[in-house]
Amino acid sequence: MPERTQIPTAPDKTAEVQVTTLRGGTLMRLKSWLPEHSTGAKSVALAGLELPSQVGATLSSPIRTLCVGPGEWLIMSHKYQASRLRELLEPDLAKYGLALVDLTDGLAGLDILGGATREVLSKGCGLDLHPRSFPVGRCARTRFAQIPAVVECLDEQRFELHVARSYLQYLHSWLLDAAIEFQST
C-alpha cells in the first residue's frame, strides 16, 4: 500500500476535495514501436497478465497497467520495487519488442478524492470527466493545468494524477486554488 501524506486543501476539515501526495511505489514506462502493438492487432502478455490494448483502458492488479497510447503503457506497483518488477517483466520484453524504462524518480502522483473531484479536475483540462464519458477504470494522457499529465479514474470520487516530479508543487497549488469554491464554510 502506498504511503500517503495528507496535504490540507483548506483550514476547514470538512472539505469537499482532499489532495494527497502518493509516496513509494514503482512507475515504469513500457513502449513498443511494432505496428501490431500500435494498432492493437497483437496482444501483449507480461508476467502472465494480458495488457490492455485499447488506449485509455486500465488493468488493476498488483501490477497496475494504464494504456496511455498505442503500444504504450504506464506500469505501477506498490508491491514490487523497480528491480524486482524489471526481473518479472524482462523475460517477455524481447519477445514482444518492448522497451521498459524506470520513471519512479521522475514522476510524482497525487490522489484527489471527494464529492467535487470531477468538477475541480474539469477546470484543468479539456477532457469530458462526466462518469458516462470517463468511467471508473479509464485513463488519459492530457495537458492538465498547462502541464503534461496522466489522469486515472479509480472510483466515482477518486482520481490519480501523474506528472513530472518538478511540477508537483505547482500542481498541488493549482488544485488548492481550484478547490476553494467547493470548500464548506
N, C-alpha and C. Protein backbone atom coordinates (compact mmCIF):
# COMPACT_ATOMS: atom_id res chain seq x y z
N MET A 1 0.85 -1.18 0.00
CA MET A 1 0.00 0.00 0.00
C MET A 1 0.89 1.23 0.00
N PRO A 2 0.55 2.23 -0.84
CA PRO A 2 1.40 3.41 -0.89
C PRO A 2 1.31 4.22 0.39
N GLU A 3 2.42 4.84 0.72
CA GLU A 3 2.42 5.75 1.86
C GLU A 3 1.79 7.05 1.37
N ARG A 4 0.84 7.57 2.10
CA ARG A 4 0.15 8.79 1.69
C ARG A 4 0.40 9.88 2.71
N THR A 5 0.70 11.05 2.22
CA THR A 5 0.91 12.20 3.07
C THR A 5 -0.22 13.17 2.81
N GLN A 6 -0.99 13.49 3.82
CA GLN A 6 -2.13 14.38 3.64
C GLN A 6 -1.66 15.81 3.45
N ILE A 7 -2.14 16.43 2.40
CA ILE A 7 -1.87 17.84 2.15
C ILE A 7 -3.20 18.55 2.37
N PRO A 8 -3.28 19.43 3.35
CA PRO A 8 -4.57 20.08 3.61
C PRO A 8 -5.00 20.93 2.43
N THR A 9 -6.30 20.86 2.11
CA THR A 9 -6.82 21.64 0.99
C THR A 9 -7.40 22.96 1.47
N ALA A 10 -7.69 23.08 2.76
CA ALA A 10 -8.22 24.32 3.33
C ALA A 10 -8.23 24.15 4.83
N PRO A 11 -8.32 25.22 5.59
CA PRO A 11 -8.38 25.09 7.04
C PRO A 11 -9.59 24.27 7.50
N ASP A 12 -10.68 24.30 6.74
CA ASP A 12 -11.89 23.58 7.10
C ASP A 12 -11.69 22.09 6.87
N LYS A 13 -11.88 21.26 7.89
CA LYS A 13 -11.64 19.82 7.77
C LYS A 13 -12.78 19.08 7.11
N THR A 14 -13.86 19.75 6.76
CA THR A 14 -14.98 19.11 6.06
C THR A 14 -14.90 19.40 4.57
N ALA A 15 -13.71 19.58 4.04
CA ALA A 15 -13.50 19.94 2.65
C ALA A 15 -14.14 18.91 1.72
N GLU A 16 -14.65 19.39 0.61
CA GLU A 16 -15.24 18.51 -0.40
C GLU A 16 -14.20 17.80 -1.25
N VAL A 17 -12.98 18.28 -1.25
CA VAL A 17 -11.91 17.69 -2.05
C VAL A 17 -10.67 17.55 -1.19
N GLN A 18 -10.07 16.37 -1.22
CA GLN A 18 -8.82 16.14 -0.49
C GLN A 18 -7.74 15.79 -1.51
N VAL A 19 -6.56 16.35 -1.33
CA VAL A 19 -5.43 16.10 -2.21
C VAL A 19 -4.33 15.43 -1.38
N THR A 20 -3.86 14.29 -1.85
CA THR A 20 -2.85 13.53 -1.13
C THR A 20 -1.69 13.21 -2.07
N THR A 21 -0.48 13.44 -1.60
CA THR A 21 0.70 13.08 -2.38
C THR A 21 0.96 11.60 -2.21
N LEU A 22 1.16 10.91 -3.31
CA LEU A 22 1.47 9.48 -3.26
C LEU A 22 2.98 9.31 -3.08
N ARG A 23 3.36 8.47 -2.15
CA ARG A 23 4.77 8.22 -1.87
C ARG A 23 5.02 6.72 -1.99
N GLY A 24 6.19 6.39 -2.46
CA GLY A 24 6.54 4.98 -2.59
C GLY A 24 5.96 4.40 -3.87
N GLY A 25 6.27 3.17 -4.10
CA GLY A 25 5.78 2.51 -5.31
C GLY A 25 6.74 2.68 -6.47
N THR A 26 6.47 1.95 -7.52
CA THR A 26 7.30 1.93 -8.71
C THR A 26 6.47 2.36 -9.91
N LEU A 27 7.05 3.17 -10.78
CA LEU A 27 6.41 3.60 -12.01
C LEU A 27 7.36 3.32 -13.17
N MET A 28 6.85 2.64 -14.20
CA MET A 28 7.68 2.33 -15.36
C MET A 28 6.89 2.59 -16.64
N ARG A 29 7.61 2.96 -17.67
CA ARG A 29 7.01 3.15 -18.98
C ARG A 29 7.40 1.97 -19.84
N LEU A 30 6.41 1.40 -20.49
CA LEU A 30 6.61 0.27 -21.39
C LEU A 30 6.19 0.72 -22.78
N LYS A 31 7.06 0.54 -23.77
CA LYS A 31 6.78 1.05 -25.12
C LYS A 31 7.15 0.03 -26.17
N SER A 32 6.29 -0.07 -27.19
CA SER A 32 6.58 -0.89 -28.36
C SER A 32 6.46 -0.01 -29.60
N TRP A 33 7.36 -0.19 -30.54
CA TRP A 33 7.29 0.52 -31.81
C TRP A 33 6.82 -0.40 -32.92
N LEU A 34 6.44 -1.64 -32.58
CA LEU A 34 5.98 -2.58 -33.59
C LEU A 34 4.56 -2.22 -34.04
N PRO A 35 4.30 -2.26 -35.33
CA PRO A 35 2.98 -1.87 -35.84
C PRO A 35 1.82 -2.70 -35.26
N GLU A 36 2.05 -3.97 -35.02
CA GLU A 36 0.96 -4.82 -34.50
C GLU A 36 0.53 -4.41 -33.09
N HIS A 37 1.42 -3.77 -32.33
CA HIS A 37 1.04 -3.29 -31.00
C HIS A 37 0.39 -1.92 -31.09
N SER A 38 0.84 -1.10 -32.02
CA SER A 38 0.27 0.23 -32.20
C SER A 38 -1.18 0.17 -32.67
N THR A 39 -1.50 -0.84 -33.45
CA THR A 39 -2.87 -0.98 -33.96
C THR A 39 -3.74 -1.84 -33.06
N GLY A 40 -3.13 -2.52 -32.10
CA GLY A 40 -3.88 -3.42 -31.22
C GLY A 40 -4.14 -4.77 -31.86
N ALA A 41 -3.51 -5.05 -33.01
CA ALA A 41 -3.72 -6.31 -33.71
C ALA A 41 -3.13 -7.50 -32.96
N LYS A 42 -2.12 -7.26 -32.15
CA LYS A 42 -1.47 -8.34 -31.40
C LYS A 42 -1.43 -7.94 -29.93
N SER A 43 -1.93 -8.81 -29.07
CA SER A 43 -1.93 -8.50 -27.64
C SER A 43 -0.55 -8.76 -27.04
N VAL A 44 -0.33 -8.14 -25.89
CA VAL A 44 0.94 -8.27 -25.18
C VAL A 44 0.64 -8.86 -23.81
N ALA A 45 1.37 -9.91 -23.44
CA ALA A 45 1.21 -10.52 -22.12
C ALA A 45 2.57 -10.52 -21.43
N LEU A 46 2.61 -9.91 -20.26
CA LEU A 46 3.83 -9.86 -19.47
C LEU A 46 3.55 -10.42 -18.09
N ALA A 47 4.43 -11.23 -17.59
CA ALA A 47 4.30 -11.84 -16.26
C ALA A 47 2.92 -12.48 -16.08
N GLY A 48 2.43 -13.08 -17.17
CA GLY A 48 1.15 -13.77 -17.11
C GLY A 48 -0.08 -12.88 -17.19
N LEU A 49 0.10 -11.58 -17.37
CA LEU A 49 -1.02 -10.64 -17.47
C LEU A 49 -1.12 -10.09 -18.88
N GLU A 50 -2.34 -10.15 -19.46
CA GLU A 50 -2.53 -9.54 -20.77
C GLU A 50 -2.77 -8.05 -20.57
N LEU A 51 -1.94 -7.25 -21.20
CA LEU A 51 -2.02 -5.81 -21.06
C LEU A 51 -3.19 -5.26 -21.88
N PRO A 52 -3.84 -4.21 -21.39
CA PRO A 52 -4.92 -3.60 -22.17
C PRO A 52 -4.36 -3.01 -23.46
N SER A 53 -5.04 -3.21 -24.57
CA SER A 53 -4.54 -2.69 -25.84
C SER A 53 -5.29 -1.45 -26.30
N GLN A 54 -6.45 -1.20 -25.73
CA GLN A 54 -7.22 -0.02 -26.09
C GLN A 54 -6.72 1.18 -25.29
N VAL A 55 -6.38 2.26 -25.98
CA VAL A 55 -5.91 3.47 -25.31
C VAL A 55 -6.98 3.95 -24.33
N GLY A 56 -6.56 4.21 -23.09
CA GLY A 56 -7.48 4.66 -22.05
C GLY A 56 -7.94 3.55 -21.13
N ALA A 57 -7.67 2.30 -21.50
CA ALA A 57 -8.06 1.16 -20.67
C ALA A 57 -7.01 0.94 -19.58
N THR A 58 -7.45 0.37 -18.47
CA THR A 58 -6.54 0.07 -17.37
C THR A 58 -6.72 -1.37 -16.92
N LEU A 59 -5.72 -1.87 -16.23
CA LEU A 59 -5.76 -3.20 -15.63
C LEU A 59 -5.35 -3.05 -14.19
N SER A 60 -6.22 -3.44 -13.27
CA SER A 60 -5.91 -3.36 -11.85
C SER A 60 -5.47 -4.72 -11.37
N SER A 61 -4.33 -4.77 -10.76
CA SER A 61 -3.76 -5.98 -10.16
C SER A 61 -2.58 -5.51 -9.33
N PRO A 62 -1.82 -6.43 -8.77
CA PRO A 62 -0.62 -5.97 -8.06
C PRO A 62 0.30 -5.14 -8.97
N ILE A 63 0.22 -5.39 -10.28
CA ILE A 63 0.93 -4.58 -11.26
C ILE A 63 -0.14 -3.83 -12.06
N ARG A 64 -0.41 -2.59 -11.65
CA ARG A 64 -1.45 -1.79 -12.31
C ARG A 64 -0.91 -1.27 -13.64
N THR A 65 -1.71 -1.39 -14.69
CA THR A 65 -1.27 -1.04 -16.03
C THR A 65 -2.27 -0.09 -16.68
N LEU A 66 -1.76 1.02 -17.21
CA LEU A 66 -2.57 2.01 -17.90
C LEU A 66 -2.10 2.08 -19.35
N CYS A 67 -3.00 1.89 -20.29
CA CYS A 67 -2.66 2.03 -21.71
C CYS A 67 -2.79 3.52 -22.05
N VAL A 68 -1.65 4.21 -22.17
CA VAL A 68 -1.65 5.66 -22.35
C VAL A 68 -1.44 6.09 -23.81
N GLY A 69 -1.22 5.13 -24.69
CA GLY A 69 -1.04 5.43 -26.11
C GLY A 69 -0.96 4.13 -26.87
N PRO A 70 -1.04 4.19 -28.20
CA PRO A 70 -0.91 2.95 -28.99
C PRO A 70 0.44 2.30 -28.72
N GLY A 71 0.42 1.10 -28.19
CA GLY A 71 1.66 0.39 -27.88
C GLY A 71 2.46 1.00 -26.75
N GLU A 72 1.78 1.71 -25.83
CA GLU A 72 2.49 2.36 -24.72
C GLU A 72 1.68 2.23 -23.43
N TRP A 73 2.38 1.85 -22.37
CA TRP A 73 1.74 1.62 -21.09
C TRP A 73 2.53 2.28 -19.95
N LEU A 74 1.81 2.66 -18.92
CA LEU A 74 2.41 3.10 -17.66
C LEU A 74 2.16 1.97 -16.68
N ILE A 75 3.23 1.41 -16.13
CA ILE A 75 3.16 0.27 -15.22
C ILE A 75 3.42 0.79 -13.81
N MET A 76 2.52 0.47 -12.87
CA MET A 76 2.66 0.93 -11.48
C MET A 76 2.53 -0.25 -10.53
N SER A 77 3.36 -0.24 -9.49
CA SER A 77 3.26 -1.28 -8.48
C SER A 77 3.70 -0.73 -7.13
N HIS A 78 2.91 -1.02 -6.12
CA HIS A 78 3.30 -0.68 -4.76
C HIS A 78 3.80 -1.93 -4.05
N LYS A 79 3.66 -3.07 -4.72
CA LYS A 79 4.10 -4.33 -4.16
C LYS A 79 5.56 -4.62 -4.49
N TYR A 80 6.01 -4.23 -5.70
CA TYR A 80 7.34 -4.57 -6.16
C TYR A 80 8.22 -3.33 -6.31
N GLN A 81 9.47 -3.43 -5.89
CA GLN A 81 10.48 -2.41 -6.15
C GLN A 81 10.83 -2.47 -7.64
N ALA A 82 11.45 -1.44 -8.16
CA ALA A 82 11.77 -1.36 -9.59
C ALA A 82 12.60 -2.55 -10.07
N SER A 83 13.62 -2.93 -9.31
CA SER A 83 14.49 -4.03 -9.74
C SER A 83 13.72 -5.35 -9.82
N ARG A 84 12.86 -5.60 -8.86
CA ARG A 84 12.06 -6.83 -8.85
C ARG A 84 11.03 -6.83 -9.97
N LEU A 85 10.41 -5.68 -10.21
CA LEU A 85 9.42 -5.58 -11.29
C LEU A 85 10.10 -5.82 -12.64
N ARG A 86 11.28 -5.26 -12.81
CA ARG A 86 12.03 -5.48 -14.06
C ARG A 86 12.34 -6.97 -14.23
N GLU A 87 12.74 -7.65 -13.15
CA GLU A 87 13.01 -9.10 -13.22
C GLU A 87 11.78 -9.87 -13.67
N LEU A 88 10.60 -9.47 -13.17
CA LEU A 88 9.36 -10.16 -13.54
C LEU A 88 8.99 -9.95 -15.00
N LEU A 89 9.22 -8.74 -15.50
CA LEU A 89 8.78 -8.39 -16.86
C LEU A 89 9.82 -8.69 -17.93
N GLU A 90 11.08 -8.68 -17.57
CA GLU A 90 12.17 -8.79 -18.55
C GLU A 90 12.12 -10.02 -19.45
N PRO A 91 11.75 -11.21 -18.96
CA PRO A 91 11.76 -12.38 -19.86
C PRO A 91 10.86 -12.21 -21.09
N ASP A 92 9.82 -11.41 -21.01
CA ASP A 92 8.89 -11.26 -22.13
C ASP A 92 9.18 -10.03 -22.99
N LEU A 93 10.07 -9.16 -22.56
CA LEU A 93 10.30 -7.90 -23.28
C LEU A 93 10.80 -8.12 -24.71
N ALA A 94 11.83 -8.93 -24.87
CA ALA A 94 12.41 -9.15 -26.21
C ALA A 94 11.40 -9.84 -27.13
N LYS A 95 10.63 -10.76 -26.57
CA LYS A 95 9.65 -11.50 -27.38
C LYS A 95 8.63 -10.56 -28.03
N TYR A 96 8.28 -9.49 -27.34
CA TYR A 96 7.30 -8.55 -27.85
C TYR A 96 7.92 -7.26 -28.40
N GLY A 97 9.25 -7.18 -28.41
CA GLY A 97 9.91 -5.99 -28.92
C GLY A 97 9.61 -4.75 -28.09
N LEU A 98 9.70 -4.89 -26.77
CA LEU A 98 9.33 -3.81 -25.86
C LEU A 98 10.54 -3.20 -25.17
N ALA A 99 10.42 -1.93 -24.85
CA ALA A 99 11.42 -1.24 -24.04
C ALA A 99 10.78 -0.84 -22.72
N LEU A 100 11.49 -1.04 -21.63
CA LEU A 100 10.99 -0.74 -20.29
C LEU A 100 11.92 0.28 -19.64
N VAL A 101 11.35 1.40 -19.18
CA VAL A 101 12.14 2.47 -18.58
C VAL A 101 11.58 2.78 -17.20
N ASP A 102 12.45 2.85 -16.21
CA ASP A 102 12.06 3.17 -14.83
C ASP A 102 11.84 4.68 -14.70
N LEU A 103 10.61 5.09 -14.37
CA LEU A 103 10.27 6.50 -14.19
C LEU A 103 9.98 6.83 -12.73
N THR A 104 10.28 5.92 -11.83
CA THR A 104 9.93 6.06 -10.42
C THR A 104 10.39 7.39 -9.84
N ASP A 105 11.61 7.79 -10.11
CA ASP A 105 12.12 9.04 -9.55
C ASP A 105 11.74 10.26 -10.37
N GLY A 106 11.23 10.05 -11.56
CA GLY A 106 10.90 11.17 -12.44
C GLY A 106 9.45 11.61 -12.39
N LEU A 107 8.54 10.72 -11.94
CA LEU A 107 7.12 11.06 -11.88
C LEU A 107 6.66 11.14 -10.44
N ALA A 108 5.66 11.96 -10.22
CA ALA A 108 5.04 12.07 -8.90
C ALA A 108 3.53 11.93 -9.09
N GLY A 109 2.86 11.45 -8.05
CA GLY A 109 1.42 11.24 -8.14
C GLY A 109 0.66 11.98 -7.06
N LEU A 110 -0.55 12.38 -7.42
CA LEU A 110 -1.48 12.98 -6.47
C LEU A 110 -2.78 12.21 -6.51
N ASP A 111 -3.33 11.96 -5.35
CA ASP A 111 -4.63 11.31 -5.21
C ASP A 111 -5.63 12.41 -4.88
N ILE A 112 -6.70 12.54 -5.67
CA ILE A 112 -7.71 13.57 -5.45
C ILE A 112 -9.01 12.85 -5.15
N LEU A 113 -9.61 13.16 -4.01
CA LEU A 113 -10.78 12.45 -3.50
C LEU A 113 -11.82 13.43 -3.00
N GLY A 114 -13.08 13.17 -3.31
CA GLY A 114 -14.16 13.97 -2.76
C GLY A 114 -15.31 14.14 -3.74
N GLY A 115 -16.41 14.64 -3.21
CA GLY A 115 -17.63 14.81 -3.99
C GLY A 115 -17.50 15.77 -5.16
N ALA A 116 -16.61 16.73 -5.09
CA ALA A 116 -16.45 17.72 -6.16
C ALA A 116 -15.20 17.46 -7.00
N THR A 117 -14.64 16.27 -6.89
CA THR A 117 -13.39 15.98 -7.59
C THR A 117 -13.51 16.17 -9.09
N ARG A 118 -14.55 15.63 -9.71
CA ARG A 118 -14.71 15.76 -11.16
C ARG A 118 -14.81 17.22 -11.58
N GLU A 119 -15.52 18.03 -10.78
CA GLU A 119 -15.67 19.44 -11.12
C GLU A 119 -14.34 20.19 -11.01
N VAL A 120 -13.58 19.89 -9.96
CA VAL A 120 -12.28 20.53 -9.79
C VAL A 120 -11.35 20.15 -10.94
N LEU A 121 -11.30 18.87 -11.26
CA LEU A 121 -10.42 18.41 -12.32
C LEU A 121 -10.84 18.95 -13.68
N SER A 122 -12.13 19.14 -13.89
CA SER A 122 -12.62 19.67 -15.16
C SER A 122 -12.12 21.08 -15.42
N LYS A 123 -11.76 21.79 -14.38
CA LYS A 123 -11.22 23.14 -14.55
C LYS A 123 -9.84 23.12 -15.20
N GLY A 124 -9.13 22.00 -15.10
CA GLY A 124 -7.75 21.95 -15.54
C GLY A 124 -7.48 21.30 -16.87
N CYS A 125 -8.49 20.68 -17.49
CA CYS A 125 -8.23 20.00 -18.76
C CYS A 125 -9.48 19.99 -19.63
N GLY A 126 -9.28 19.64 -20.87
CA GLY A 126 -10.37 19.61 -21.83
C GLY A 126 -11.08 18.27 -21.91
N LEU A 127 -10.74 17.33 -21.04
CA LEU A 127 -11.40 16.03 -21.05
C LEU A 127 -12.82 16.15 -20.51
N ASP A 128 -13.74 15.37 -21.07
CA ASP A 128 -15.08 15.27 -20.51
C ASP A 128 -15.00 14.25 -19.38
N LEU A 129 -15.05 14.72 -18.15
CA LEU A 129 -14.88 13.84 -16.99
C LEU A 129 -16.20 13.35 -16.42
N HIS A 130 -17.30 13.56 -17.14
CA HIS A 130 -18.59 13.02 -16.69
C HIS A 130 -18.48 11.50 -16.63
N PRO A 131 -19.11 10.85 -15.64
CA PRO A 131 -18.96 9.39 -15.48
C PRO A 131 -19.31 8.57 -16.72
N ARG A 132 -20.22 9.04 -17.57
CA ARG A 132 -20.53 8.24 -18.76
C ARG A 132 -19.42 8.34 -19.81
N SER A 133 -18.63 9.43 -19.79
CA SER A 133 -17.53 9.59 -20.73
C SER A 133 -16.18 9.16 -20.16
N PHE A 134 -16.03 9.28 -18.85
CA PHE A 134 -14.77 8.93 -18.18
C PHE A 134 -15.11 8.08 -16.96
N PRO A 135 -15.47 6.81 -17.20
CA PRO A 135 -15.90 5.95 -16.09
C PRO A 135 -14.73 5.44 -15.27
N VAL A 136 -15.05 4.78 -14.18
CA VAL A 136 -14.04 4.12 -13.34
C VAL A 136 -13.25 3.15 -14.22
N GLY A 137 -11.92 3.16 -14.05
CA GLY A 137 -11.07 2.28 -14.84
C GLY A 137 -10.59 2.91 -16.13
N ARG A 138 -10.81 4.18 -16.31
CA ARG A 138 -10.38 4.89 -17.52
C ARG A 138 -9.18 5.78 -17.19
N CYS A 139 -8.30 5.94 -18.16
CA CYS A 139 -7.16 6.84 -18.01
C CYS A 139 -6.98 7.64 -19.29
N ALA A 140 -6.24 8.72 -19.19
CA ALA A 140 -5.93 9.52 -20.38
C ALA A 140 -4.65 10.30 -20.13
N ARG A 141 -3.92 10.47 -21.20
CA ARG A 141 -2.77 11.37 -21.17
C ARG A 141 -3.29 12.69 -21.74
N THR A 142 -3.04 13.77 -21.03
CA THR A 142 -3.59 15.06 -21.43
C THR A 142 -2.70 16.18 -20.92
N ARG A 143 -3.09 17.38 -21.21
CA ARG A 143 -2.47 18.56 -20.58
C ARG A 143 -3.40 18.96 -19.47
N PHE A 144 -2.87 19.05 -18.27
CA PHE A 144 -3.66 19.41 -17.10
C PHE A 144 -3.01 20.62 -16.47
N ALA A 145 -3.76 21.71 -16.32
CA ALA A 145 -3.23 22.96 -15.78
C ALA A 145 -1.96 23.36 -16.56
N GLN A 146 -2.00 23.15 -17.86
CA GLN A 146 -0.93 23.51 -18.79
C GLN A 146 0.32 22.63 -18.71
N ILE A 147 0.24 21.49 -18.02
CA ILE A 147 1.39 20.58 -17.96
C ILE A 147 0.96 19.18 -18.40
N PRO A 148 1.88 18.40 -18.98
CA PRO A 148 1.55 17.03 -19.37
C PRO A 148 1.25 16.18 -18.13
N ALA A 149 0.17 15.39 -18.21
CA ALA A 149 -0.22 14.57 -17.07
C ALA A 149 -0.95 13.32 -17.56
N VAL A 150 -0.96 12.31 -16.70
CA VAL A 150 -1.81 11.13 -16.90
C VAL A 150 -2.87 11.19 -15.80
N VAL A 151 -4.13 11.11 -16.21
CA VAL A 151 -5.27 11.16 -15.30
C VAL A 151 -5.91 9.78 -15.30
N GLU A 152 -6.21 9.27 -14.10
CA GLU A 152 -6.85 7.96 -13.99
C GLU A 152 -8.01 8.05 -13.01
N CYS A 153 -9.15 7.47 -13.40
CA CYS A 153 -10.32 7.42 -12.53
C CYS A 153 -10.32 6.10 -11.76
N LEU A 154 -10.16 6.17 -10.44
CA LEU A 154 -10.09 4.97 -9.60
C LEU A 154 -11.45 4.56 -9.06
N ASP A 155 -12.29 5.52 -8.72
CA ASP A 155 -13.69 5.27 -8.39
C ASP A 155 -14.46 6.56 -8.65
N GLU A 156 -15.74 6.57 -8.37
CA GLU A 156 -16.59 7.70 -8.73
C GLU A 156 -16.09 9.04 -8.21
N GLN A 157 -15.43 9.05 -7.06
CA GLN A 157 -14.98 10.30 -6.46
C GLN A 157 -13.47 10.35 -6.23
N ARG A 158 -12.73 9.48 -6.91
CA ARG A 158 -11.29 9.41 -6.66
C ARG A 158 -10.52 9.28 -7.96
N PHE A 159 -9.55 10.16 -8.14
CA PHE A 159 -8.70 10.16 -9.32
C PHE A 159 -7.25 10.22 -8.87
N GLU A 160 -6.35 9.76 -9.76
CA GLU A 160 -4.93 9.97 -9.56
C GLU A 160 -4.40 10.74 -10.76
N LEU A 161 -3.47 11.66 -10.47
CA LEU A 161 -2.77 12.40 -11.50
C LEU A 161 -1.29 12.07 -11.37
N HIS A 162 -0.63 11.83 -12.49
CA HIS A 162 0.81 11.57 -12.51
C HIS A 162 1.45 12.59 -13.42
N VAL A 163 2.43 13.31 -12.87
CA VAL A 163 3.12 14.38 -13.58
C VAL A 163 4.62 14.27 -13.31
N ALA A 164 5.39 15.00 -14.12
CA ALA A 164 6.82 15.08 -13.84
C ALA A 164 7.01 15.66 -12.44
N ARG A 165 7.91 15.06 -11.69
CA ARG A 165 8.12 15.44 -10.28
C ARG A 165 8.36 16.94 -10.10
N SER A 166 9.00 17.58 -11.06
CA SER A 166 9.28 19.01 -10.93
C SER A 166 8.01 19.86 -10.95
N TYR A 167 6.89 19.32 -11.42
CA TYR A 167 5.63 20.05 -11.46
C TYR A 167 4.73 19.80 -10.25
N LEU A 168 5.14 18.94 -9.34
CA LEU A 168 4.27 18.54 -8.24
C LEU A 168 3.80 19.72 -7.39
N GLN A 169 4.70 20.59 -6.99
CA GLN A 169 4.31 21.72 -6.14
C GLN A 169 3.36 22.66 -6.88
N TYR A 170 3.64 22.92 -8.14
CA TYR A 170 2.76 23.77 -8.95
C TYR A 170 1.36 23.15 -9.03
N LEU A 171 1.30 21.86 -9.34
CA LEU A 171 0.00 21.20 -9.47
C LEU A 171 -0.75 21.19 -8.14
N HIS A 172 -0.03 20.96 -7.05
CA HIS A 172 -0.65 20.99 -5.73
C HIS A 172 -1.29 22.36 -5.48
N SER A 173 -0.56 23.42 -5.73
CA SER A 173 -1.08 24.77 -5.54
C SER A 173 -2.25 25.05 -6.47
N TRP A 174 -2.16 24.59 -7.69
CA TRP A 174 -3.24 24.79 -8.64
C TRP A 174 -4.52 24.11 -8.15
N LEU A 175 -4.40 22.86 -7.68
CA LEU A 175 -5.57 22.13 -7.18
C LEU A 175 -6.18 22.80 -5.95
N LEU A 176 -5.34 23.30 -5.06
CA LEU A 176 -5.86 24.02 -3.89
C LEU A 176 -6.69 25.22 -4.31
N ASP A 177 -6.18 25.97 -5.27
CA ASP A 177 -6.90 27.14 -5.76
C ASP A 177 -8.21 26.74 -6.44
N ALA A 178 -8.16 25.70 -7.28
CA ALA A 178 -9.35 25.26 -7.99
C ALA A 178 -10.43 24.71 -7.07
N ALA A 179 -10.03 24.20 -5.90
CA ALA A 179 -10.98 23.58 -4.96
C ALA A 179 -11.62 24.56 -4.00
N ILE A 180 -11.13 25.79 -3.95
CA ILE A 180 -11.62 26.76 -2.97
C ILE A 180 -13.13 26.91 -3.00
N GLU A 181 -13.73 27.02 -4.18
CA GLU A 181 -15.17 27.25 -4.26
C GLU A 181 -16.00 26.09 -3.74
N PHE A 182 -15.41 24.92 -3.62
CA PHE A 182 -16.14 23.74 -3.17
C PHE A 182 -15.97 23.46 -1.67
N GLN A 183 -15.20 24.28 -0.97
CA GLN A 183 -14.95 24.07 0.44
C GLN A 183 -16.17 24.50 1.26
N SER A 184 -16.45 23.76 2.30
CA SER A 184 -17.54 24.11 3.22
C SER A 184 -17.08 25.27 4.10
N THR A 185 -18.01 26.06 4.50
CA THR A 185 -17.66 27.19 5.37
C THR A 185 -18.11 26.96 6.79
